[in-house]
Amino acid sequence: MLLYFYDLKTRLKDYNRIKRRFYYDLKKSRLSTYPWRTKSVIVVEDDAEILADRFFQKYRRHAEVYKARATSIEEVF
C-alpha cells in the first residue's frame, strides 16, 4: 500500500486555476477509485504505483509530492 502526500505549490495568482485543473484530472483518472479522504493524501495499492507516479509527474512544477509505503493503516478516531 502506498501513501502519496502532496501539496500544491504555486503563485497565489495561479493557485485556483492549478487547483481546479489538478482535482479535475484526478477525478477523471483511475486514481479516483482509491480512497482519499483528505485534500492532501491518496492511498493507492501497490499495483497502481506507476499510474500514480505518472499522474503526479504531470504536476511536478506545481506540486510537492512524497510517497511512503505502509503495511497497514488504522483509523484512530
N, C-alpha and C. Protein backbone atom coordinates (compact mmCIF):
# COMPACT_ATOMS: atom_id res chain seq x y z
N MET A 1 0.84 -1.16 0.00
CA MET A 1 0.00 0.00 0.00
C MET A 1 0.90 1.24 0.00
N LEU A 2 0.54 2.19 -0.80
CA LEU A 2 1.33 3.42 -0.92
C LEU A 2 0.50 4.62 -0.47
N LEU A 3 1.17 5.51 0.20
CA LEU A 3 0.56 6.77 0.60
C LEU A 3 1.25 7.88 -0.17
N TYR A 4 0.48 8.69 -0.86
CA TYR A 4 1.02 9.86 -1.56
C TYR A 4 0.57 11.10 -0.80
N PHE A 5 1.53 11.85 -0.31
CA PHE A 5 1.26 13.13 0.36
C PHE A 5 1.62 14.22 -0.63
N TYR A 6 0.73 15.14 -0.87
CA TYR A 6 1.02 16.19 -1.85
C TYR A 6 0.53 17.53 -1.35
N ASP A 7 1.16 18.55 -1.89
CA ASP A 7 0.78 19.92 -1.58
C ASP A 7 0.99 20.73 -2.84
N LEU A 8 -0.01 21.47 -3.25
CA LEU A 8 0.12 22.31 -4.44
C LEU A 8 0.90 23.56 -4.09
N LYS A 9 1.96 23.80 -4.83
CA LYS A 9 2.82 24.96 -4.60
C LYS A 9 2.86 25.78 -5.89
N THR A 10 2.29 26.94 -5.83
CA THR A 10 2.29 27.82 -6.99
C THR A 10 2.06 29.25 -6.52
N ARG A 11 2.19 30.17 -7.42
CA ARG A 11 1.94 31.57 -7.07
C ARG A 11 0.46 31.75 -6.76
N LEU A 12 0.18 32.67 -5.89
CA LEU A 12 -1.20 32.92 -5.48
C LEU A 12 -2.08 33.25 -6.68
N LYS A 13 -1.52 33.95 -7.64
CA LYS A 13 -2.26 34.34 -8.83
C LYS A 13 -2.76 33.12 -9.62
N ASP A 14 -1.96 32.05 -9.67
CA ASP A 14 -2.30 30.86 -10.45
C ASP A 14 -2.90 29.73 -9.62
N TYR A 15 -2.99 29.89 -8.32
CA TYR A 15 -3.35 28.78 -7.44
C TYR A 15 -4.71 28.18 -7.76
N ASN A 16 -5.74 28.99 -7.89
CA ASN A 16 -7.08 28.45 -8.14
C ASN A 16 -7.18 27.72 -9.47
N ARG A 17 -6.53 28.24 -10.48
CA ARG A 17 -6.54 27.59 -11.79
C ARG A 17 -5.85 26.23 -11.72
N ILE A 18 -4.69 26.17 -11.10
CA ILE A 18 -3.94 24.92 -10.98
C ILE A 18 -4.71 23.92 -10.12
N LYS A 19 -5.28 24.39 -9.03
CA LYS A 19 -6.03 23.52 -8.12
C LYS A 19 -7.25 22.92 -8.82
N ARG A 20 -7.97 23.73 -9.56
CA ARG A 20 -9.14 23.24 -10.30
C ARG A 20 -8.73 22.18 -11.30
N ARG A 21 -7.65 22.45 -12.04
CA ARG A 21 -7.18 21.52 -13.06
C ARG A 21 -6.69 20.22 -12.43
N PHE A 22 -5.97 20.33 -11.32
CA PHE A 22 -5.44 19.15 -10.62
C PHE A 22 -6.57 18.23 -10.18
N TYR A 23 -7.57 18.77 -9.49
CA TYR A 23 -8.67 17.94 -9.00
C TYR A 23 -9.58 17.45 -10.11
N TYR A 24 -9.71 18.20 -11.18
CA TYR A 24 -10.47 17.73 -12.35
C TYR A 24 -9.77 16.52 -12.96
N ASP A 25 -8.46 16.60 -13.17
CA ASP A 25 -7.71 15.49 -13.73
C ASP A 25 -7.69 14.29 -12.77
N LEU A 26 -7.62 14.56 -11.49
CA LEU A 26 -7.64 13.48 -10.50
C LEU A 26 -8.97 12.74 -10.55
N LYS A 27 -10.05 13.47 -10.66
CA LYS A 27 -11.38 12.84 -10.71
C LYS A 27 -11.55 12.00 -11.98
N LYS A 28 -10.95 12.44 -13.09
CA LYS A 28 -11.04 11.70 -14.35
C LYS A 28 -10.16 10.46 -14.37
N SER A 29 -9.11 10.43 -13.58
CA SER A 29 -8.16 9.32 -13.62
C SER A 29 -8.68 8.13 -12.81
N ARG A 30 -8.03 7.00 -12.98
CA ARG A 30 -8.39 5.80 -12.22
C ARG A 30 -8.00 5.94 -10.76
N LEU A 31 -7.22 6.93 -10.42
CA LEU A 31 -6.85 7.15 -9.02
C LEU A 31 -8.06 7.54 -8.18
N SER A 32 -9.09 8.05 -8.80
CA SER A 32 -10.27 8.47 -8.05
C SER A 32 -11.03 7.29 -7.46
N THR A 33 -10.73 6.07 -7.91
CA THR A 33 -11.39 4.89 -7.35
C THR A 33 -10.75 4.47 -6.03
N TYR A 34 -9.56 4.98 -5.74
CA TYR A 34 -8.89 4.66 -4.48
C TYR A 34 -9.33 5.62 -3.40
N PRO A 35 -9.26 5.18 -2.14
CA PRO A 35 -9.73 6.05 -1.06
C PRO A 35 -8.81 7.24 -0.84
N TRP A 36 -9.39 8.40 -0.82
CA TRP A 36 -8.66 9.62 -0.43
C TRP A 36 -9.66 10.50 0.27
N ARG A 37 -9.43 10.69 1.54
CA ARG A 37 -10.40 11.41 2.36
C ARG A 37 -9.96 12.83 2.67
N THR A 38 -8.73 13.14 2.43
CA THR A 38 -8.26 14.49 2.69
C THR A 38 -7.87 15.13 1.37
N LYS A 39 -7.56 16.38 1.42
CA LYS A 39 -7.16 17.08 0.20
C LYS A 39 -5.67 16.97 -0.06
N SER A 40 -4.96 16.19 0.75
CA SER A 40 -3.52 16.12 0.55
C SER A 40 -2.94 14.72 0.63
N VAL A 41 -3.77 13.68 0.75
CA VAL A 41 -3.28 12.31 0.85
C VAL A 41 -4.12 11.39 -0.02
N ILE A 42 -3.45 10.51 -0.75
CA ILE A 42 -4.13 9.49 -1.53
C ILE A 42 -3.52 8.15 -1.15
N VAL A 43 -4.35 7.15 -0.88
CA VAL A 43 -3.90 5.80 -0.58
C VAL A 43 -4.09 4.96 -1.84
N VAL A 44 -3.01 4.31 -2.29
CA VAL A 44 -3.02 3.58 -3.55
C VAL A 44 -2.44 2.19 -3.32
N GLU A 45 -3.02 1.19 -3.96
CA GLU A 45 -2.46 -0.17 -3.90
C GLU A 45 -1.14 -0.21 -4.66
N ASP A 46 -0.32 -1.21 -4.37
CA ASP A 46 1.00 -1.32 -4.98
C ASP A 46 0.95 -1.43 -6.50
N ASP A 47 -0.06 -2.10 -7.03
CA ASP A 47 -0.12 -2.29 -8.48
C ASP A 47 -0.45 -1.01 -9.25
N ALA A 48 -0.89 0.04 -8.56
CA ALA A 48 -1.20 1.31 -9.22
C ALA A 48 -0.11 2.35 -9.01
N GLU A 49 1.06 1.92 -8.59
CA GLU A 49 2.15 2.86 -8.33
C GLU A 49 2.57 3.62 -9.59
N ILE A 50 2.68 2.93 -10.70
CA ILE A 50 3.09 3.57 -11.95
C ILE A 50 2.04 4.59 -12.39
N LEU A 51 0.78 4.23 -12.26
CA LEU A 51 -0.31 5.14 -12.61
C LEU A 51 -0.24 6.42 -11.77
N ALA A 52 -0.04 6.28 -10.48
CA ALA A 52 0.03 7.45 -9.59
C ALA A 52 1.28 8.27 -9.89
N ASP A 53 2.40 7.62 -10.12
CA ASP A 53 3.62 8.35 -10.43
C ASP A 53 3.47 9.17 -11.70
N ARG A 54 2.83 8.59 -12.71
CA ARG A 54 2.61 9.32 -13.96
C ARG A 54 1.68 10.52 -13.76
N PHE A 55 0.65 10.32 -12.95
CA PHE A 55 -0.28 11.42 -12.69
C PHE A 55 0.45 12.59 -12.02
N PHE A 56 1.20 12.31 -10.98
CA PHE A 56 1.89 13.38 -10.26
C PHE A 56 3.04 13.96 -11.07
N GLN A 57 3.57 13.19 -12.02
CA GLN A 57 4.63 13.71 -12.89
C GLN A 57 4.13 14.88 -13.73
N LYS A 58 2.84 14.86 -14.10
CA LYS A 58 2.28 15.97 -14.89
C LYS A 58 2.28 17.28 -14.11
N TYR A 59 2.23 17.18 -12.78
CA TYR A 59 2.14 18.37 -11.93
C TYR A 59 3.43 18.62 -11.15
N ARG A 60 4.55 18.13 -11.64
CA ARG A 60 5.81 18.26 -10.88
C ARG A 60 6.23 19.71 -10.68
N ARG A 61 5.82 20.61 -11.57
CA ARG A 61 6.15 22.03 -11.39
C ARG A 61 5.28 22.69 -10.33
N HIS A 62 4.10 22.15 -10.10
CA HIS A 62 3.12 22.80 -9.24
C HIS A 62 2.81 22.04 -7.95
N ALA A 63 3.39 20.86 -7.78
CA ALA A 63 3.07 20.07 -6.59
C ALA A 63 4.34 19.52 -5.95
N GLU A 64 4.30 19.46 -4.64
CA GLU A 64 5.36 18.81 -3.89
C GLU A 64 4.76 17.48 -3.42
N VAL A 65 5.37 16.37 -3.82
CA VAL A 65 4.79 15.05 -3.59
C VAL A 65 5.78 14.15 -2.86
N TYR A 66 5.28 13.44 -1.86
CA TYR A 66 6.06 12.45 -1.13
C TYR A 66 5.31 11.13 -1.18
N LYS A 67 6.07 10.04 -1.26
CA LYS A 67 5.47 8.72 -1.35
C LYS A 67 6.01 7.87 -0.19
N ALA A 68 5.13 7.13 0.47
CA ALA A 68 5.53 6.25 1.58
C ALA A 68 4.86 4.90 1.42
N ARG A 69 5.57 3.87 1.78
CA ARG A 69 5.00 2.51 1.75
C ARG A 69 4.52 2.15 3.16
N ALA A 70 3.37 1.48 3.22
CA ALA A 70 2.80 1.09 4.51
C ALA A 70 2.27 -0.34 4.40
N THR A 71 2.34 -1.08 5.48
CA THR A 71 1.79 -2.42 5.50
C THR A 71 0.37 -2.41 6.03
N SER A 72 0.05 -1.46 6.91
CA SER A 72 -1.32 -1.37 7.41
C SER A 72 -1.60 0.08 7.84
N ILE A 73 -2.88 0.41 7.82
CA ILE A 73 -3.31 1.74 8.24
C ILE A 73 -4.51 1.55 9.16
N GLU A 74 -4.49 2.23 10.27
CA GLU A 74 -5.61 2.15 11.22
C GLU A 74 -6.20 3.52 11.42
N GLU A 75 -7.52 3.57 11.48
CA GLU A 75 -8.22 4.83 11.76
C GLU A 75 -8.22 5.04 13.27
N VAL A 76 -7.78 6.21 13.70
CA VAL A 76 -7.67 6.48 15.12
C VAL A 76 -9.00 6.94 15.71
N PHE A 77 -9.65 7.85 15.06
CA PHE A 77 -10.92 8.38 15.59
C PHE A 77 -12.02 8.14 14.60
